[in-house]
Amino acid sequence: MGDVVAARKAYEQAQADARALVERARLDLGKAIADARRQEVSQDAIAKELNLTREQVRRFQREYESRAAG
């Protein structure tokens, strides 16, 4: 039974690691968007290049900026 418990713990840890990896990637994308916006790249251009809406672009940027400020 110990193997089952260990496998479950490994599975749960893998899920936590994956969530952290995705969160870091989202923040990296938000930072890249913020950097591009500071270089006067338009939201429209970013959205078009990434196949996103302008609102999605804004969300990534806001999430990064709110974490960076906090």
N, C-alpha and C. Protein backbone atom coordinates (compact mmCIF):
# COMPACT_ATOMS: atom_id res chain seq x y z
N MET A 1 0.82 -1.21 0.00
CA MET A 1 0.00 0.00 0.00
C MET A 1 0.86 1.26 0.00
N GLY A 2 2.07 1.15 0.53
CA GLY A 2 2.97 2.30 0.55
C GLY A 2 3.29 2.82 -0.84
N ASP A 3 3.37 1.92 -1.81
CA ASP A 3 3.64 2.34 -3.19
C ASP A 3 2.49 3.18 -3.75
N VAL A 4 1.28 2.81 -3.38
CA VAL A 4 0.10 3.55 -3.85
C VAL A 4 0.10 4.96 -3.27
N VAL A 5 0.40 5.08 -1.99
CA VAL A 5 0.44 6.39 -1.33
C VAL A 5 1.56 7.23 -1.94
N ALA A 6 2.71 6.64 -2.16
CA ALA A 6 3.84 7.37 -2.75
C ALA A 6 3.51 7.82 -4.16
N ALA A 7 2.85 6.96 -4.93
CA ALA A 7 2.47 7.32 -6.30
C ALA A 7 1.47 8.47 -6.28
N ARG A 8 0.53 8.44 -5.35
CA ARG A 8 -0.45 9.52 -5.24
C ARG A 8 0.23 10.83 -4.88
N LYS A 9 1.16 10.79 -3.94
CA LYS A 9 1.89 12.00 -3.56
C LYS A 9 2.69 12.54 -4.73
N ALA A 10 3.31 11.67 -5.50
CA ALA A 10 4.08 12.09 -6.68
C ALA A 10 3.15 12.72 -7.71
N TYR A 11 1.98 12.14 -7.89
CA TYR A 11 0.99 12.68 -8.81
C TYR A 11 0.55 14.08 -8.37
N GLU A 12 0.24 14.25 -7.10
CA GLU A 12 -0.18 15.55 -6.58
C GLU A 12 0.94 16.58 -6.71
N GLN A 13 2.17 16.17 -6.46
CA GLN A 13 3.30 17.08 -6.60
C GLN A 13 3.49 17.49 -8.06
N ALA A 14 3.31 16.55 -8.96
CA ALA A 14 3.42 16.86 -10.39
C ALA A 14 2.37 17.88 -10.81
N GLN A 15 1.16 17.75 -10.28
CA GLN A 15 0.12 18.73 -10.58
C GLN A 15 0.49 20.12 -10.06
N ALA A 16 1.00 20.18 -8.85
CA ALA A 16 1.42 21.46 -8.27
C ALA A 16 2.57 22.06 -9.08
N ASP A 17 3.51 21.23 -9.47
CA ASP A 17 4.64 21.71 -10.28
C ASP A 17 4.16 22.24 -11.62
N ALA A 18 3.20 21.55 -12.23
CA ALA A 18 2.67 21.98 -13.52
C ALA A 18 1.95 23.33 -13.39
N ARG A 19 1.17 23.50 -12.33
CA ARG A 19 0.48 24.78 -12.11
C ARG A 19 1.49 25.91 -11.95
N ALA A 20 2.55 25.66 -11.20
CA ALA A 20 3.58 26.68 -10.99
C ALA A 20 4.29 27.01 -12.31
N LEU A 21 4.55 26.01 -13.12
CA LEU A 21 5.19 26.22 -14.41
C LEU A 21 4.32 27.06 -15.33
N VAL A 22 3.03 26.76 -15.37
CA VAL A 22 2.09 27.52 -16.21
C VAL A 22 1.98 28.95 -15.70
N GLU A 23 1.91 29.13 -14.39
CA GLU A 23 1.83 30.48 -13.83
C GLU A 23 3.07 31.30 -14.20
N ARG A 24 4.25 30.70 -14.08
CA ARG A 24 5.49 31.40 -14.44
C ARG A 24 5.49 31.77 -15.92
N ALA A 25 5.03 30.87 -16.77
CA ALA A 25 4.97 31.15 -18.20
C ALA A 25 3.98 32.28 -18.50
N ARG A 26 2.84 32.31 -17.79
CA ARG A 26 1.86 33.40 -17.98
C ARG A 26 2.49 34.74 -17.60
N LEU A 27 3.21 34.75 -16.48
CA LEU A 27 3.85 35.99 -16.05
C LEU A 27 4.95 36.41 -17.02
N ASP A 28 5.69 35.45 -17.55
CA ASP A 28 6.71 35.77 -18.55
C ASP A 28 6.08 36.36 -19.81
N LEU A 29 4.94 35.81 -20.21
CA LEU A 29 4.23 36.36 -21.37
C LEU A 29 3.74 37.77 -21.07
N GLY A 30 3.19 37.96 -19.89
CA GLY A 30 2.74 39.30 -19.49
C GLY A 30 3.87 40.30 -19.48
N LYS A 31 5.04 39.89 -19.01
CA LYS A 31 6.21 40.77 -19.01
C LYS A 31 6.63 41.10 -20.43
N ALA A 32 6.64 40.12 -21.31
CA ALA A 32 7.02 40.35 -22.71
C ALA A 32 6.05 41.32 -23.37
N ILE A 33 4.76 41.17 -23.06
CA ILE A 33 3.76 42.09 -23.60
C ILE A 33 3.99 43.50 -23.05
N ALA A 34 4.22 43.61 -21.74
CA ALA A 34 4.46 44.92 -21.13
C ALA A 34 5.70 45.58 -21.75
N ASP A 35 6.74 44.79 -21.95
CA ASP A 35 7.96 45.33 -22.58
C ASP A 35 7.68 45.81 -23.99
N ALA A 36 6.91 45.04 -24.75
CA ALA A 36 6.57 45.44 -26.12
C ALA A 36 5.72 46.70 -26.12
N ARG A 37 4.79 46.80 -25.19
CA ARG A 37 3.94 48.00 -25.10
C ARG A 37 4.79 49.23 -24.77
N ARG A 38 5.81 49.06 -23.90
CA ARG A 38 6.70 50.20 -23.59
C ARG A 38 7.50 50.63 -24.82
N GLN A 39 7.69 49.71 -25.75
CA GLN A 39 8.37 50.04 -27.00
C GLN A 39 7.38 50.48 -28.07
N GLU A 40 6.16 50.79 -27.62
CA GLU A 40 5.09 51.33 -28.45
C GLU A 40 4.55 50.35 -29.49
N VAL A 41 4.62 49.06 -29.20
CA VAL A 41 3.94 48.07 -30.03
C VAL A 41 2.48 48.09 -29.60
N SER A 42 1.57 48.17 -30.53
CA SER A 42 0.15 48.29 -30.19
C SER A 42 -0.42 46.97 -29.69
N GLN A 43 -1.47 47.11 -28.88
CA GLN A 43 -2.18 45.91 -28.43
C GLN A 43 -2.73 45.14 -29.63
N ASP A 44 -3.22 45.88 -30.61
CA ASP A 44 -3.75 45.23 -31.81
C ASP A 44 -2.69 44.37 -32.49
N ALA A 45 -1.48 44.89 -32.62
CA ALA A 45 -0.41 44.14 -33.28
C ALA A 45 -0.05 42.89 -32.47
N ILE A 46 0.02 43.04 -31.16
CA ILE A 46 0.33 41.89 -30.30
C ILE A 46 -0.77 40.85 -30.40
N ALA A 47 -2.01 41.31 -30.29
CA ALA A 47 -3.16 40.39 -30.36
C ALA A 47 -3.18 39.64 -31.68
N LYS A 48 -2.93 40.36 -32.75
CA LYS A 48 -2.94 39.72 -34.08
C LYS A 48 -1.83 38.68 -34.18
N GLU A 49 -0.64 39.03 -33.73
CA GLU A 49 0.50 38.12 -33.81
C GLU A 49 0.28 36.85 -32.98
N LEU A 50 -0.36 37.00 -31.82
CA LEU A 50 -0.57 35.87 -30.92
C LEU A 50 -1.92 35.18 -31.13
N ASN A 51 -2.72 35.72 -32.05
CA ASN A 51 -4.05 35.18 -32.30
C ASN A 51 -4.91 35.22 -31.04
N LEU A 52 -4.86 36.38 -30.37
CA LEU A 52 -5.63 36.62 -29.16
C LEU A 52 -6.51 37.85 -29.37
N THR A 53 -7.41 38.09 -28.42
CA THR A 53 -8.15 39.34 -28.43
C THR A 53 -7.34 40.39 -27.68
N ARG A 54 -7.69 41.65 -27.89
CA ARG A 54 -7.01 42.72 -27.14
C ARG A 54 -7.23 42.55 -25.65
N GLU A 55 -8.42 42.09 -25.26
CA GLU A 55 -8.71 41.88 -23.84
C GLU A 55 -7.79 40.81 -23.25
N GLN A 56 -7.53 39.75 -23.98
CA GLN A 56 -6.62 38.71 -23.49
C GLN A 56 -5.21 39.28 -23.31
N VAL A 57 -4.78 40.10 -24.26
CA VAL A 57 -3.47 40.75 -24.17
C VAL A 57 -3.42 41.62 -22.92
N ARG A 58 -4.47 42.41 -22.70
CA ARG A 58 -4.53 43.27 -21.51
C ARG A 58 -4.47 42.44 -20.23
N ARG A 59 -5.17 41.31 -20.19
CA ARG A 59 -5.17 40.48 -18.98
C ARG A 59 -3.79 39.95 -18.65
N PHE A 60 -3.08 39.46 -19.67
CA PHE A 60 -1.72 38.96 -19.43
C PHE A 60 -0.85 40.08 -18.88
N GLN A 61 -0.95 41.26 -19.50
CA GLN A 61 -0.12 42.39 -19.06
C GLN A 61 -0.50 42.82 -17.65
N ARG A 62 -1.79 42.94 -17.37
CA ARG A 62 -2.23 43.36 -16.03
C ARG A 62 -1.81 42.37 -14.96
N GLU A 63 -1.92 41.09 -15.27
CA GLU A 63 -1.53 40.07 -14.29
C GLU A 63 -0.05 40.21 -13.94
N TYR A 64 0.79 40.38 -14.97
CA TYR A 64 2.22 40.58 -14.72
C TYR A 64 2.45 41.83 -13.89
N GLU A 65 1.84 42.95 -14.31
CA GLU A 65 2.08 44.22 -13.62
C GLU A 65 1.59 44.20 -12.19
N SER A 66 0.48 43.54 -11.92
CA SER A 66 -0.02 43.49 -10.55
C SER A 66 0.88 42.62 -9.66
N ARG A 67 1.42 41.56 -10.21
CA ARG A 67 2.37 40.71 -9.44
C ARG A 67 3.68 41.43 -9.24
N ALA A 68 4.14 42.13 -10.25
CA ALA A 68 5.43 42.83 -10.15
C ALA A 68 5.36 43.96 -9.13
N ALA A 69 4.19 44.60 -9.04
CA ALA A 69 4.03 45.72 -8.11
C ALA A 69 3.81 45.22 -6.68
N GLY A 70 3.32 44.02 -6.54
CA GLY A 70 2.94 43.51 -5.22
C GLY A 70 4.05 42.86 -4.55
